[in-house]
Amino acid sequence: MTSHLLLVDAHHYAFRSFHAIRSLHAPDGTPTNAIFGFIKTLQKIVGILSPTHVCVVWDGGLDEQRTREWPAYKANRSETPQDLAAQIPQIVAWLDAAGWPQFVRPGTEADDWIGTLAHQASARAWAVTIASADKDFMQLVTPEVRLLNPNDKSERPWGPPEVEAKTGVPPTLVADWLALVGDSVDNIPGIPGVGPKTAADLLRRFGSAQGVLAAAPSIKAEKLRAELLGAAETLRRNAVMVRLKCDLPGGPALDQLTPRPGDPALLRPMYQRWNFRSLLAALGPEGPALQGELL
């Protein structure tokens, strides 16, 4: 059987769960909406994909090189809501108790670790699925590495055709496309006047962001030509900002990312504290935990 690695963008799903479920609290009044949503979503993803290996990857902070290149990188993001921040350690504890491998490295971004692990797994001919709505991951997509976008109601992982349908370019040009367009979510400005469709058209014509830059003098549209002629430094900077790092040293060994059975002795008091009654019932009075059995 082919090994299949599921890589979960942990902070993305914690935030998504927190905002999707407006109000859910334990009997003592502490919020549990992000915990519940995270557990439910992970179960759903695993049910869809049936992976042999899993790694839930957390952000460890901003990348130093990116912030050096652009000090305003991600500076537009608001602070994590206190009610969400309080639930993240509990999600981490639940993942350990339920047997799901997870990873974080201080000072590095989850995106780069996901890129690194995806690269390592695909080099071993494993199938890989990345679970996230972050458009940066489209640059990693190949026939073997797919992207499960929670915003896609079809619940089918994206391959190269879906990425090209979304962006207008194949995955190999997504980083160039982002360098031209920028990324408002990460506070990375693109080239003025170059939107997604214009960027895709330019890349189809000239092959790469550098090809677009070289061809700028021949662009007929005067305003676009002027913007591109002055874009060399922006494109250089953006290439550093948007291209994921797929060669980080260290990290978990792929063979250690096999899920293990959950521990009822750890899970039972969690479910009691959170008042997750169906989860508690699924454990049974003395029987083993049913990994992934959810509310």
Protein backbone atom coordinates (compact mmCIF):
# COMPACT_ATOMS: atom_id res chain seq x y z
CA MET A 1 0.00 0.00 0.00
CA THR A 2 1.33 3.44 -0.93
CA SER A 3 2.12 5.61 2.06
CA HIS A 4 -0.06 8.73 2.24
CA LEU A 5 0.98 11.69 4.37
CA LEU A 6 -1.62 14.21 5.55
CA LEU A 7 -0.17 17.60 6.50
CA VAL A 8 -2.58 19.80 8.48
CA ASP A 9 -2.14 23.58 8.73
CA ALA A 10 -2.96 23.65 12.45
CA HIS A 11 -3.35 27.36 13.14
CA HIS A 12 -5.51 27.75 10.04
CA TYR A 13 -7.99 25.17 11.30
CA ALA A 14 -7.92 26.47 14.87
CA PHE A 15 -8.81 29.99 13.65
CA ARG A 16 -11.37 28.62 11.22
CA SER A 17 -13.06 26.54 13.91
CA PHE A 18 -13.07 29.42 16.38
CA HIS A 19 -14.86 31.72 13.94
CA ALA A 20 -17.17 29.07 12.49
CA ILE A 21 -18.68 28.12 15.85
CA ARG A 22 -19.79 31.28 17.61
CA SER A 23 -20.50 29.99 21.08
CA LEU A 24 -19.61 26.76 22.85
CA HIS A 25 -18.47 26.54 26.45
CA ALA A 26 -17.54 23.98 29.07
CA PRO A 27 -19.65 23.81 32.25
CA ASP A 28 -17.17 26.13 33.98
CA GLY A 29 -17.67 28.75 31.27
CA THR A 30 -14.37 28.34 29.43
CA PRO A 31 -14.71 28.43 25.62
CA THR A 32 -14.48 25.16 23.72
CA ASN A 33 -15.65 26.17 20.22
CA ALA A 34 -12.19 25.99 18.62
CA ILE A 35 -11.47 22.65 20.31
CA PHE A 36 -14.72 21.13 19.14
CA GLY A 37 -14.42 22.47 15.61
CA PHE A 38 -10.80 21.37 15.32
CA ILE A 39 -11.57 17.83 16.47
CA LYS A 40 -14.57 17.57 14.17
CA THR A 41 -12.64 18.89 11.19
CA LEU A 42 -9.67 16.60 11.71
CA GLN A 43 -12.00 13.62 11.90
CA LYS A 44 -13.70 14.68 8.69
CA ILE A 45 -10.41 15.11 6.84
CA VAL A 46 -9.09 11.75 8.01
CA GLY A 47 -12.38 10.13 7.04
CA ILE A 48 -12.12 11.54 3.53
CA LEU A 49 -8.46 10.66 2.96
CA SER A 50 -7.62 7.64 5.17
CA PRO A 51 -3.94 8.64 5.41
CA THR A 52 -1.27 6.26 6.66
CA HIS A 53 0.75 9.11 8.18
CA VAL A 54 -0.28 12.46 9.68
CA CYS A 55 1.48 15.60 10.89
CA VAL A 56 -0.42 18.52 12.38
CA VAL A 57 1.95 21.46 11.90
CA TRP A 58 1.86 24.60 14.06
CA ASP A 59 3.39 28.01 13.39
CA GLY A 60 6.49 28.73 15.45
CA GLY A 61 6.77 32.42 14.58
CA LEU A 62 7.64 34.58 11.59
CA ASP A 63 10.52 33.70 9.31
CA GLU A 64 13.51 35.96 10.03
CA GLN A 65 14.54 36.29 6.39
CA ARG A 66 11.08 37.39 5.32
CA THR A 67 10.74 39.98 8.09
CA ARG A 68 14.22 41.29 7.26
CA GLU A 69 13.23 41.70 3.62
CA TRP A 70 9.88 43.32 4.47
CA PRO A 71 9.43 44.48 8.09
CA ALA A 72 5.69 44.91 7.47
CA TYR A 73 5.31 41.21 6.66
CA LYS A 74 2.04 40.02 8.25
CA ALA A 75 1.93 43.23 10.30
CA ASN A 76 -1.71 43.71 9.25
CA ARG A 77 -2.85 40.71 11.27
CA SER A 78 -4.70 41.34 14.51
CA GLU A 79 -3.70 39.63 17.73
CA THR A 80 -5.07 36.16 18.39
CA PRO A 81 -8.33 36.51 20.36
CA GLN A 82 -7.81 35.63 24.00
CA ASP A 83 -10.54 32.99 23.93
CA LEU A 84 -8.81 31.27 21.01
CA ALA A 85 -5.31 31.56 22.47
CA ALA A 86 -6.56 29.82 25.62
CA GLN A 87 -7.83 26.86 23.59
CA ILE A 88 -4.72 26.18 21.50
CA PRO A 89 -2.77 24.47 24.33
CA GLN A 90 -5.83 22.30 24.94
CA ILE A 91 -5.94 21.32 21.27
CA VAL A 92 -2.25 20.43 21.50
CA ALA A 93 -2.93 18.29 24.58
CA TRP A 94 -5.86 16.58 22.86
CA LEU A 95 -3.75 15.76 19.80
CA ASP A 96 -1.18 14.07 22.03
CA ALA A 97 -3.82 12.15 23.93
CA ALA A 98 -5.63 11.08 20.76
CA GLY A 99 -2.43 9.89 19.09
CA TRP A 100 -2.08 12.41 16.28
CA PRO A 101 1.54 13.41 15.50
CA GLN A 102 2.17 17.16 15.60
CA PHE A 103 5.15 19.44 15.15
CA VAL A 104 6.28 23.00 15.81
CA ARG A 105 9.72 24.64 15.66
CA PRO A 106 10.21 28.08 17.26
CA GLY A 107 11.16 30.78 14.77
CA THR A 108 9.85 28.93 11.71
CA GLU A 109 6.56 29.09 9.89
CA ALA A 110 4.24 26.13 9.46
CA ASP A 111 4.09 26.76 5.70
CA ASP A 112 7.81 26.08 5.31
CA TRP A 113 7.69 22.91 7.40
CA ILE A 114 4.72 21.68 5.41
CA GLY A 115 6.69 22.39 2.23
CA THR A 116 9.72 20.56 3.61
CA LEU A 117 7.76 17.50 4.74
CA ALA A 118 5.81 17.39 1.47
CA HIS A 119 9.08 17.51 -0.47
CA GLN A 120 10.63 14.74 1.64
CA ALA A 121 7.58 12.50 1.33
CA SER A 122 7.18 12.98 -2.42
CA ALA A 123 10.89 12.16 -2.85
CA ARG A 124 10.04 8.78 -1.33
CA ALA A 125 7.12 8.36 -3.76
CA TRP A 126 4.53 8.89 -1.02
CA ALA A 127 1.20 10.49 -1.75
CA VAL A 128 0.80 13.80 0.10
CA THR A 129 -2.28 15.88 0.93
CA ILE A 130 -1.99 19.35 2.43
CA ALA A 131 -5.10 20.50 4.31
CA SER A 132 -5.37 24.29 4.20
CA ALA A 133 -7.05 27.18 2.40
CA ASP A 134 -3.74 29.10 2.19
CA LYS A 135 -3.09 29.89 -1.46
CA ASP A 136 0.69 29.70 -0.93
CA PHE A 137 0.39 25.91 -0.90
CA MET A 138 -0.76 25.84 -4.51
CA GLN A 139 2.91 26.19 -5.52
CA LEU A 140 3.59 22.75 -3.98
CA VAL A 141 0.92 20.89 -5.93
CA THR A 142 2.04 18.09 -8.25
CA PRO A 143 0.31 14.89 -9.37
CA GLU A 144 1.56 13.37 -6.09
CA VAL A 145 1.09 16.39 -3.78
CA ARG A 146 -2.49 17.62 -3.53
CA LEU A 147 -4.28 20.39 -1.67
CA LEU A 148 -7.49 19.88 0.28
CA ASN A 149 -9.06 23.33 0.39
CA PRO A 150 -11.82 23.57 3.03
CA ASN A 151 -13.47 26.32 0.98
CA ASP A 152 -14.10 23.83 -1.84
CA LYS A 153 -17.41 22.15 -1.03
CA SER A 154 -16.62 19.26 -3.38
CA GLU A 155 -14.17 18.02 -0.71
CA ARG A 156 -11.90 16.71 -3.45
CA PRO A 157 -8.16 17.43 -3.15
CA TRP A 158 -6.80 19.72 -5.84
CA GLY A 159 -4.22 18.60 -8.36
CA PRO A 160 -2.48 20.68 -11.03
CA PRO A 161 -5.63 21.14 -13.17
CA GLU A 162 -7.60 22.65 -10.27
CA VAL A 163 -4.73 24.99 -9.37
CA GLU A 164 -4.48 26.19 -12.95
CA ALA A 165 -8.25 26.68 -13.12
CA LYS A 166 -8.05 28.81 -9.96
CA THR A 167 -5.00 30.93 -10.83
CA GLY A 168 -4.63 30.73 -14.61
CA VAL A 169 -1.14 29.25 -14.28
CA PRO A 170 0.27 25.79 -13.44
CA PRO A 171 1.60 25.16 -9.91
CA THR A 172 5.18 25.67 -11.10
CA LEU A 173 4.34 29.33 -11.77
CA VAL A 174 2.23 30.04 -8.69
CA ALA A 175 5.15 31.59 -6.80
CA ASP A 176 5.83 33.90 -9.79
CA TRP A 177 2.11 34.71 -9.94
CA LEU A 178 2.10 35.62 -6.24
CA ALA A 179 5.24 37.72 -6.69
CA LEU A 180 3.42 39.77 -9.32
CA VAL A 181 0.05 39.95 -7.59
CA GLY A 182 1.21 40.17 -3.99
CA ASP A 183 -0.66 38.75 -1.02
CA SER A 184 -2.89 41.06 1.01
CA VAL A 185 -3.36 38.37 3.69
CA ASP A 186 0.39 38.46 4.41
CA ASN A 187 0.67 42.22 3.79
CA ILE A 188 2.87 41.76 0.72
CA PRO A 189 2.14 44.42 -1.94
CA GLY A 190 2.31 43.35 -5.56
CA ILE A 191 2.94 45.33 -8.74
CA PRO A 192 0.38 48.17 -9.03
CA GLY A 193 -2.11 47.47 -11.77
CA VAL A 194 -1.25 43.77 -11.99
CA GLY A 195 -4.20 41.71 -10.82
CA PRO A 196 -4.60 37.91 -10.93
CA LYS A 197 -5.79 37.77 -14.55
CA THR A 198 -3.14 40.19 -15.83
CA ALA A 199 -0.42 38.29 -13.96
CA ALA A 200 -1.57 34.96 -15.41
CA ASP A 201 -1.66 36.42 -18.92
CA LEU A 202 1.86 37.86 -18.56
CA LEU A 203 3.24 34.59 -17.24
CA ARG A 204 1.65 32.58 -20.04
CA ARG A 205 3.25 34.94 -22.55
CA PHE A 206 6.70 35.33 -21.02
CA GLY A 207 7.20 32.18 -18.95
CA SER A 208 8.26 33.57 -15.55
CA ALA A 209 8.32 36.72 -13.45
CA GLN A 210 11.86 37.40 -14.64
CA GLY A 211 10.70 36.84 -18.20
CA VAL A 212 7.96 39.40 -17.65
CA LEU A 213 10.52 41.85 -16.31
CA ALA A 214 12.80 41.31 -19.30
CA ALA A 215 9.91 41.80 -21.71
CA ALA A 216 8.62 44.94 -19.97
CA PRO A 217 9.96 47.39 -22.60
CA SER A 218 7.85 45.64 -25.24
CA ILE A 219 4.55 45.89 -23.29
CA LYS A 220 2.19 48.08 -25.31
CA ALA A 221 0.01 49.34 -22.44
CA GLU A 222 1.87 52.44 -21.28
CA LYS A 223 0.85 52.40 -17.61
CA LEU A 224 1.52 48.67 -17.23
CA ARG A 225 4.85 49.01 -19.03
CA ALA A 226 5.92 51.80 -16.66
CA GLU A 227 4.94 49.81 -13.57
CA LEU A 228 6.81 46.71 -14.77
CA LEU A 229 9.93 48.68 -15.69
CA GLY A 230 10.12 49.89 -12.10
CA ALA A 231 9.29 46.52 -10.55
CA ALA A 232 12.68 44.79 -10.40
CA GLU A 233 13.23 45.28 -6.66
CA THR A 234 9.62 44.49 -5.76
CA LEU A 235 9.75 41.24 -7.72
CA ARG A 236 13.09 40.28 -6.17
CA ARG A 237 11.71 40.94 -2.69
CA ASN A 238 8.39 39.23 -3.34
CA ALA A 239 10.12 36.13 -4.69
CA VAL A 240 11.81 35.76 -1.30
CA MET A 241 8.56 36.41 0.54
CA VAL A 242 6.19 34.06 -1.28
CA ARG A 243 8.33 31.07 -2.24
CA LEU A 244 8.05 28.37 0.40
CA LYS A 245 11.19 26.82 1.85
CA CYS A 246 11.22 23.09 1.21
CA ASP A 247 14.65 22.23 2.58
CA LEU A 248 14.55 23.06 6.29
CA PRO A 249 16.99 20.94 8.32
CA GLY A 250 15.85 18.64 11.08
CA GLY A 251 12.19 18.11 11.75
CA PRO A 252 10.28 14.90 12.37
CA ALA A 253 11.24 11.68 10.61
CA LEU A 254 8.50 10.66 8.19
CA ASP A 255 8.31 7.12 9.55
CA GLN A 256 7.51 8.52 13.02
CA LEU A 257 4.34 10.22 11.76
CA THR A 258 2.12 7.17 12.10
CA PRO A 259 -0.99 7.85 14.21
CA ARG A 260 -1.27 5.75 17.34
CA PRO A 261 -4.34 4.70 19.38
CA GLY A 262 -5.75 7.31 21.70
CA ASP A 263 -5.26 7.00 25.46
CA PRO A 264 -8.60 6.71 27.31
CA ALA A 265 -6.99 7.65 30.61
CA LEU A 266 -6.03 11.02 29.11
CA LEU A 267 -9.05 11.55 26.88
CA ARG A 268 -11.74 10.77 29.46
CA PRO A 269 -11.01 13.69 31.82
CA MET A 270 -10.71 16.06 28.85
CA TYR A 271 -14.13 15.09 27.52
CA GLN A 272 -15.62 15.33 31.01
CA ARG A 273 -14.14 18.81 31.53
CA TRP A 274 -15.35 20.04 28.13
CA ASN A 275 -18.73 18.25 28.43
CA PHE A 276 -18.20 16.43 25.14
CA ARG A 277 -20.70 13.75 26.08
CA SER A 278 -20.78 11.70 22.88
CA LEU A 279 -16.99 11.55 22.81
CA LEU A 280 -17.02 10.39 26.38
CA ALA A 281 -19.64 7.76 25.61
CA ALA A 282 -17.58 6.50 22.66
CA LEU A 283 -14.73 5.66 25.02
CA GLY A 284 -16.93 3.16 26.83
CA PRO A 285 -16.64 2.33 30.54
CA GLU A 286 -13.35 0.47 30.23
CA GLY A 287 -12.78 -0.09 26.49
CA PRO A 288 -10.07 1.53 24.39
CA ALA A 289 -10.52 4.97 22.84
CA LEU A 290 -11.84 5.01 19.34
CA GLN A 291 -9.36 7.31 17.66
CA GLY A 292 -11.09 10.11 15.80
CA GLU A 293 -14.58 9.22 17.08
CA LEU A 294 -16.17 12.60 17.49
CA LEU A 295 -19.16 14.56 18.67
